[in-house]
Amino acid sequence: MILFRTPLFVAATALAASTLFASCETKPATASEAGSPTAEALAADSAGPAVTSGTAATAEAEANAAPAPDPTTIPAGKVGDAASITARPQVPILCYHQIRDWRAKDSKTAKDYIVPVQAFKNQMKMLADSGYHTILPDQLYAYLTTGAKLPSKPIMLTFDDTDLDQFTVARPTLDKYGYKAVYFVMTVSLGRPNYMSKAQVKQLSDEGNVIGSHTWDHHNVKKYQGQDWVTQIDKPTKTLEEITGKKINYFAFPFGLWNQQAFPELKKRGFVAAFVLAEKRDPIDPLFTIRRIIASGYWSPRTLHNSIVQSF
């Protein structure tokens, strides 16, 4: 199946993409379901996948100062097997889409995936006040494959689908706390109204954030055949590499939908890891099923904290 699109379809896809993620996973837990973290949970959460040698201050300084190695330079013999990777404590990873205030036409379901501006700012403040340090995929890869040190209370922030508010709202909010993030870009939307431009994507990359691939138009990877891999993966990845001037090593599955048949295709194209949503990891290829949770627009900072503790 070759994915040739008409201009009308492409435009409709870009404009509708922000609502497609509503079927990414089961609905996030409501505030009443998630509850609030207990004092014990708050204390226990401070440990996380902590560093393992020296004093905490020294180890954390080392983890923050040492740049993560390029994942392609780690010798194969030093990469742990699937069982050892799966056995390592998971690092919390949050997935965001739109950061904007709710509108009258937004459905109850859509609001789960649209985080109001002040709610997002409150969530980021909670993370900073709770002592979370953002990490990037190279650090995560080194940790999962070799046991490399991480800062205390590591967390990864990811943004899907290229929405403009990720640049205009999320970026300055993260800058306030010295946070960096991963932006999984859907290239069909670049330069369209309410989406980021190529220049903005490059700026994010130049400022130390990581740009990852999220296909051309959010097509379900489980349905790819033949030329689809060129249309949805090869061409968008090349576009992102031309924009950033950097190798694109990481991929996020649209809707979080994946199958094992996709793994060799992604590896063949140079990807070293891929991100899904809140389901179980594949025991054979855990690096290509790294878990994330969608941060609900309904969640208070305390409920988000509780969800992080319970989910990872």
Protein backbone atom coordinates (compact mmCIF):
# COMPACT_ATOMS: atom_id res chain seq x y z
CA MET A 1 0.00 0.00 0.00
CA ILE A 2 1.60 3.26 -1.14
CA LEU A 3 0.58 6.31 0.83
CA PHE A 4 0.14 8.97 -1.84
CA ARG A 5 -2.01 11.75 -0.39
CA THR A 6 -4.05 14.42 -2.09
CA PRO A 7 -3.34 18.03 -0.99
CA LEU A 8 -6.78 18.15 0.62
CA PHE A 9 -6.06 15.01 2.62
CA VAL A 10 -2.66 16.29 3.71
CA ALA A 11 -4.14 19.54 4.95
CA ALA A 12 -6.94 17.75 6.74
CA THR A 13 -4.43 15.37 8.29
CA ALA A 14 -2.30 18.18 9.62
CA LEU A 15 -5.25 20.09 11.03
CA ALA A 16 -6.80 16.99 12.58
CA ALA A 17 -3.59 15.48 13.89
CA SER A 18 -3.98 17.13 17.26
CA THR A 19 -7.13 15.07 17.85
CA LEU A 20 -5.81 11.78 16.54
CA PHE A 21 -3.87 11.07 19.69
CA ALA A 22 -7.12 10.71 21.63
CA SER A 23 -6.99 7.01 20.72
CA CYS A 24 -3.30 6.71 21.67
CA GLU A 25 -4.06 4.67 24.76
CA THR A 26 -6.76 4.05 27.31
CA LYS A 27 -8.02 7.17 29.01
CA PRO A 28 -5.65 8.45 31.71
CA ALA A 29 -6.79 7.90 35.27
CA THR A 30 -9.03 10.61 36.68
CA ALA A 31 -7.96 12.58 39.72
CA SER A 32 -10.28 10.55 41.92
CA GLU A 33 -8.86 7.30 40.58
CA ALA A 34 -5.25 8.36 40.99
CA GLY A 35 -5.67 10.02 44.38
CA SER A 36 -2.94 12.03 46.09
CA PRO A 37 0.51 10.76 47.03
CA THR A 38 1.03 9.79 50.64
CA ALA A 39 4.00 11.02 52.64
CA GLU A 40 5.48 7.54 52.30
CA ALA A 41 5.09 7.64 48.52
CA LEU A 42 6.69 11.07 48.33
CA ALA A 43 9.64 9.84 50.37
CA ALA A 44 10.00 6.59 48.45
CA ASP A 45 9.81 8.39 45.12
CA SER A 46 12.89 10.42 45.91
CA ALA A 47 15.03 7.35 45.36
CA GLY A 48 14.16 6.54 41.73
CA PRO A 49 16.77 4.78 39.56
CA ALA A 50 19.46 6.44 41.60
CA VAL A 51 23.20 6.55 41.10
CA THR A 52 25.00 3.73 42.80
CA SER A 53 28.49 4.79 43.89
CA GLY A 54 30.11 7.52 45.98
CA THR A 55 28.18 10.12 47.91
CA ALA A 56 24.86 11.26 46.50
CA ALA A 57 26.17 14.76 45.84
CA THR A 58 29.32 13.56 44.10
CA ALA A 59 27.49 10.95 42.03
CA GLU A 60 24.83 13.40 40.96
CA ALA A 61 27.44 15.98 39.98
CA GLU A 62 29.18 13.35 37.86
CA ALA A 63 25.92 12.29 36.22
CA ASN A 64 25.01 15.88 35.41
CA ALA A 65 28.47 16.87 34.17
CA ALA A 66 29.38 13.88 32.02
CA PRO A 67 27.85 14.04 28.53
CA ALA A 68 25.98 10.92 27.48
CA PRO A 69 27.80 8.96 24.79
CA ASP A 70 26.49 8.75 21.26
CA PRO A 71 24.48 5.51 21.42
CA THR A 72 26.02 4.30 18.18
CA THR A 73 29.50 4.40 19.78
CA ILE A 74 28.70 2.05 22.67
CA PRO A 75 30.37 -1.30 21.86
CA ALA A 76 27.91 -4.10 21.26
CA GLY A 77 29.68 -6.18 23.88
CA LYS A 78 28.86 -3.61 26.54
CA VAL A 79 25.16 -3.46 25.76
CA GLY A 80 23.14 -5.53 28.21
CA ASP A 81 20.74 -8.22 27.05
CA ALA A 82 16.97 -7.79 27.04
CA ALA A 83 16.56 -9.28 30.52
CA SER A 84 19.07 -6.89 32.11
CA ILE A 85 17.55 -3.90 30.31
CA THR A 86 14.05 -4.84 31.46
CA ALA A 87 15.28 -5.40 35.02
CA ARG A 88 16.53 -1.83 35.43
CA PRO A 89 14.09 0.49 37.25
CA GLN A 90 12.09 2.44 34.69
CA VAL A 91 12.65 6.17 34.33
CA PRO A 92 9.39 8.16 34.37
CA ILE A 93 8.58 9.53 30.92
CA LEU A 94 5.71 11.96 30.34
CA CYS A 95 4.01 12.49 26.99
CA TYR A 96 2.35 15.80 26.11
CA HIS A 97 0.49 16.94 23.00
CA GLN A 98 -1.30 20.29 23.16
CA ILE A 99 -0.56 22.89 25.82
CA ARG A 100 -3.47 25.32 25.56
CA ASP A 101 -6.59 26.35 27.39
CA TRP A 102 -9.70 24.28 26.80
CA ARG A 103 -12.25 25.51 24.27
CA ALA A 104 -16.02 25.10 24.30
CA LYS A 105 -15.85 22.62 21.42
CA ASP A 106 -13.29 20.36 23.14
CA SER A 107 -14.85 17.04 24.09
CA LYS A 108 -14.53 15.51 27.52
CA THR A 109 -12.17 12.90 26.06
CA ALA A 110 -10.07 15.47 24.19
CA LYS A 111 -9.49 17.41 27.40
CA ASP A 112 -7.51 14.47 28.73
CA TYR A 113 -4.93 15.23 26.04
CA ILE A 114 -5.05 19.03 26.14
CA VAL A 115 -3.24 20.47 29.16
CA PRO A 116 -4.33 24.04 30.02
CA VAL A 117 -1.48 26.54 30.13
CA GLN A 118 -1.56 27.22 33.87
CA ALA A 119 -2.01 23.54 34.63
CA PHE A 120 1.12 22.77 32.61
CA LYS A 121 3.08 25.49 34.41
CA ASN A 122 1.91 24.10 37.74
CA GLN A 123 2.95 20.59 36.73
CA MET A 124 6.45 21.73 35.76
CA LYS A 125 6.80 23.68 39.02
CA MET A 126 5.80 20.56 40.94
CA LEU A 127 8.48 18.54 39.16
CA ALA A 128 11.12 21.15 39.91
CA ASP A 129 10.02 21.59 43.53
CA SER A 130 10.04 17.79 43.95
CA GLY A 131 13.65 17.60 42.80
CA TYR A 132 13.15 15.98 39.39
CA HIS A 133 15.95 16.36 36.84
CA THR A 134 15.17 16.03 33.15
CA ILE A 135 17.27 13.64 31.09
CA LEU A 136 17.49 13.08 27.35
CA PRO A 137 17.37 9.88 25.29
CA ASP A 138 21.14 9.36 25.02
CA GLN A 139 21.35 9.36 28.81
CA LEU A 140 18.42 6.96 29.04
CA TYR A 141 19.95 4.66 26.43
CA ALA A 142 23.30 4.56 28.24
CA TYR A 143 21.53 3.84 31.53
CA LEU A 144 19.37 1.05 30.11
CA THR A 145 22.13 -0.63 28.14
CA THR A 146 25.16 -0.20 30.40
CA GLY A 147 23.87 0.95 33.78
CA ALA A 148 25.37 4.42 33.35
CA LYS A 149 24.68 6.89 36.16
CA LEU A 150 21.70 9.24 36.09
CA PRO A 151 20.89 12.31 38.17
CA SER A 152 18.70 11.73 41.20
CA LYS A 153 14.97 11.59 40.39
CA PRO A 154 15.40 11.52 36.61
CA ILE A 155 12.43 12.20 34.37
CA MET A 156 12.00 12.60 30.62
CA LEU A 157 9.56 15.06 29.07
CA THR A 158 8.33 14.30 25.55
CA PHE A 159 6.07 16.22 23.18
CA ASP A 160 4.34 14.65 20.17
CA ASP A 161 2.90 16.02 16.92
CA THR A 162 4.70 19.37 16.51
CA ASP A 163 2.00 21.67 17.94
CA LEU A 164 3.07 25.33 18.01
CA ASP A 165 2.21 25.73 21.69
CA GLN A 166 5.00 23.30 22.50
CA PHE A 167 7.37 26.04 21.31
CA THR A 168 5.50 29.13 22.48
CA VAL A 169 4.27 27.84 25.86
CA ALA A 170 6.15 24.68 26.88
CA ARG A 171 9.63 25.82 25.82
CA PRO A 172 9.80 29.00 27.94
CA THR A 173 8.24 27.17 30.88
CA LEU A 174 10.89 24.45 30.71
CA ASP A 175 13.63 27.05 30.32
CA LYS A 176 12.58 28.57 33.63
CA TYR A 177 13.66 25.36 35.37
CA GLY A 178 16.61 24.48 33.16
CA TYR A 179 14.64 21.56 31.73
CA LYS A 180 15.21 19.98 28.31
CA ALA A 181 12.81 17.77 26.38
CA VAL A 182 12.30 15.47 23.41
CA TYR A 183 10.10 16.65 20.55
CA PHE A 184 8.73 13.90 18.30
CA VAL A 185 7.96 15.68 15.05
CA MET A 186 5.29 14.75 12.51
CA THR A 187 6.73 16.37 9.39
CA VAL A 188 3.50 16.78 7.38
CA SER A 189 2.52 19.57 9.76
CA LEU A 190 5.73 21.62 9.60
CA GLY A 191 4.97 25.24 8.75
CA ARG A 192 1.19 24.82 8.81
CA PRO A 193 -1.04 27.05 10.96
CA ASN A 194 -0.79 26.19 14.67
CA TYR A 195 2.23 23.95 14.11
CA MET A 196 5.94 24.58 14.43
CA SER A 197 8.07 25.78 11.55
CA LYS A 198 11.34 24.21 10.45
CA ALA A 199 13.19 27.15 12.00
CA GLN A 200 11.53 26.56 15.36
CA VAL A 201 12.37 22.85 15.28
CA LYS A 202 15.99 23.74 14.51
CA GLN A 203 16.02 26.24 17.36
CA LEU A 204 14.80 23.60 19.80
CA SER A 205 17.58 21.29 18.63
CA ASP A 206 20.22 24.03 18.80
CA GLU A 207 19.15 24.83 22.36
CA GLY A 208 19.95 21.29 23.52
CA ASN A 209 16.63 19.54 23.14
CA VAL A 210 16.33 16.32 21.15
CA ILE A 211 14.29 15.97 17.97
CA GLY A 212 12.84 12.55 17.23
CA SER A 213 10.79 11.08 14.40
CA HIS A 214 7.01 10.65 14.64
CA THR A 215 6.35 9.70 10.98
CA TRP A 216 5.09 11.87 8.15
CA ASP A 217 1.35 11.99 8.89
CA HIS A 218 0.77 9.86 12.01
CA HIS A 219 -0.09 6.71 10.06
CA ASN A 220 -0.41 3.50 12.11
CA VAL A 221 2.92 1.62 11.92
CA LYS A 222 1.17 -1.73 12.28
CA LYS A 223 -0.34 -1.21 8.81
CA TYR A 224 2.88 -0.36 6.94
CA GLN A 225 3.65 -2.22 3.74
CA GLY A 226 6.38 -1.71 1.15
CA GLN A 227 6.63 1.94 0.14
CA ASP A 228 5.01 3.07 3.39
CA TRP A 229 8.40 2.77 5.09
CA VAL A 230 9.85 5.27 2.63
CA THR A 231 6.91 7.69 2.88
CA GLN A 232 6.44 7.52 6.64
CA ILE A 233 9.98 6.91 7.94
CA ASP A 234 12.77 7.44 5.41
CA LYS A 235 11.70 10.79 3.98
CA PRO A 236 10.60 12.38 7.28
CA THR A 237 13.81 11.27 8.99
CA LYS A 238 15.91 12.75 6.21
CA THR A 239 13.93 15.99 6.50
CA LEU A 240 14.57 16.21 10.24
CA GLU A 241 18.26 15.48 9.81
CA GLU A 242 18.51 18.25 7.22
CA ILE A 243 16.71 20.66 9.56
CA THR A 244 18.77 19.88 12.67
CA GLY A 245 22.07 18.85 11.11
CA LYS A 246 22.04 15.88 13.49
CA LYS A 247 21.41 12.14 13.25
CA ILE A 248 17.88 11.17 14.29
CA ASN A 249 18.20 8.18 16.62
CA TYR A 250 14.82 7.98 18.33
CA PHE A 251 11.27 7.25 17.21
CA ALA A 252 7.80 7.45 18.79
CA PHE A 253 5.02 5.19 17.51
CA PRO A 254 1.85 7.06 16.46
CA PHE A 255 -0.99 6.20 18.85
CA GLY A 256 1.57 4.11 20.75
CA LEU A 257 0.74 1.24 18.38
CA TRP A 258 3.57 -1.12 17.51
CA ASN A 259 4.36 -4.66 16.41
CA GLN A 260 7.53 -6.72 16.43
CA GLN A 261 7.71 -6.59 12.64
CA ALA A 262 8.50 -2.88 12.91
CA PHE A 263 11.62 -3.33 15.02
CA PRO A 264 14.01 -4.61 12.32
CA GLU A 265 12.73 -1.97 9.91
CA LEU A 266 13.47 0.80 12.42
CA LYS A 267 16.88 -0.67 13.29
CA LYS A 268 17.74 -0.92 9.59
CA ARG A 269 17.11 2.81 9.36
CA GLY A 270 19.47 3.63 12.22
CA PHE A 271 17.07 4.05 15.13
CA VAL A 272 18.43 2.77 18.44
CA ALA A 273 15.25 3.02 20.52
CA ALA A 274 11.53 3.70 20.16
CA PHE A 275 8.83 4.93 22.53
CA VAL A 276 5.34 3.57 23.08
CA LEU A 277 2.69 4.45 25.67
CA ALA A 278 1.53 2.90 28.92
CA GLU A 279 1.50 -0.78 28.03
CA LYS A 280 3.95 -3.56 28.82
CA ARG A 281 7.32 -3.55 27.12
CA ASP A 282 8.26 -6.22 24.64
CA PRO A 283 10.45 -8.73 26.54
CA ILE A 284 12.58 -9.41 23.47
CA ASP A 285 13.14 -5.80 22.37
CA PRO A 286 12.55 -3.54 25.39
CA LEU A 287 14.56 -0.68 23.83
CA PHE A 288 11.92 -0.40 21.10
CA THR A 289 9.01 -0.37 23.55
CA ILE A 290 10.09 2.22 26.11
CA ARG A 291 7.03 3.24 28.13
CA ARG A 292 5.55 6.71 28.53
CA ILE A 293 2.36 7.96 30.16
CA ILE A 294 0.17 10.74 28.81
CA ALA A 295 -0.15 13.59 31.32
CA SER A 296 -3.87 14.30 31.53
CA GLY A 297 -5.27 17.79 31.24
CA TYR A 298 -7.45 16.96 34.22
CA TRP A 299 -4.57 16.17 36.56
CA SER A 300 -3.50 18.44 39.37
CA PRO A 301 0.23 18.53 40.14
CA ARG A 302 -0.28 16.14 43.07
CA THR A 303 -2.24 13.71 40.92
CA LEU A 304 0.48 13.81 38.27
CA HIS A 305 3.06 13.09 40.95
CA ASN A 306 1.01 10.17 42.21
CA SER A 307 0.65 8.81 38.66
CA ILE A 308 4.41 9.00 38.13
CA VAL A 309 5.02 7.05 41.34
CA GLN A 310 2.41 4.41 40.52
CA SER A 311 3.21 4.01 36.81
CA PHE A 312 6.99 3.68 37.03
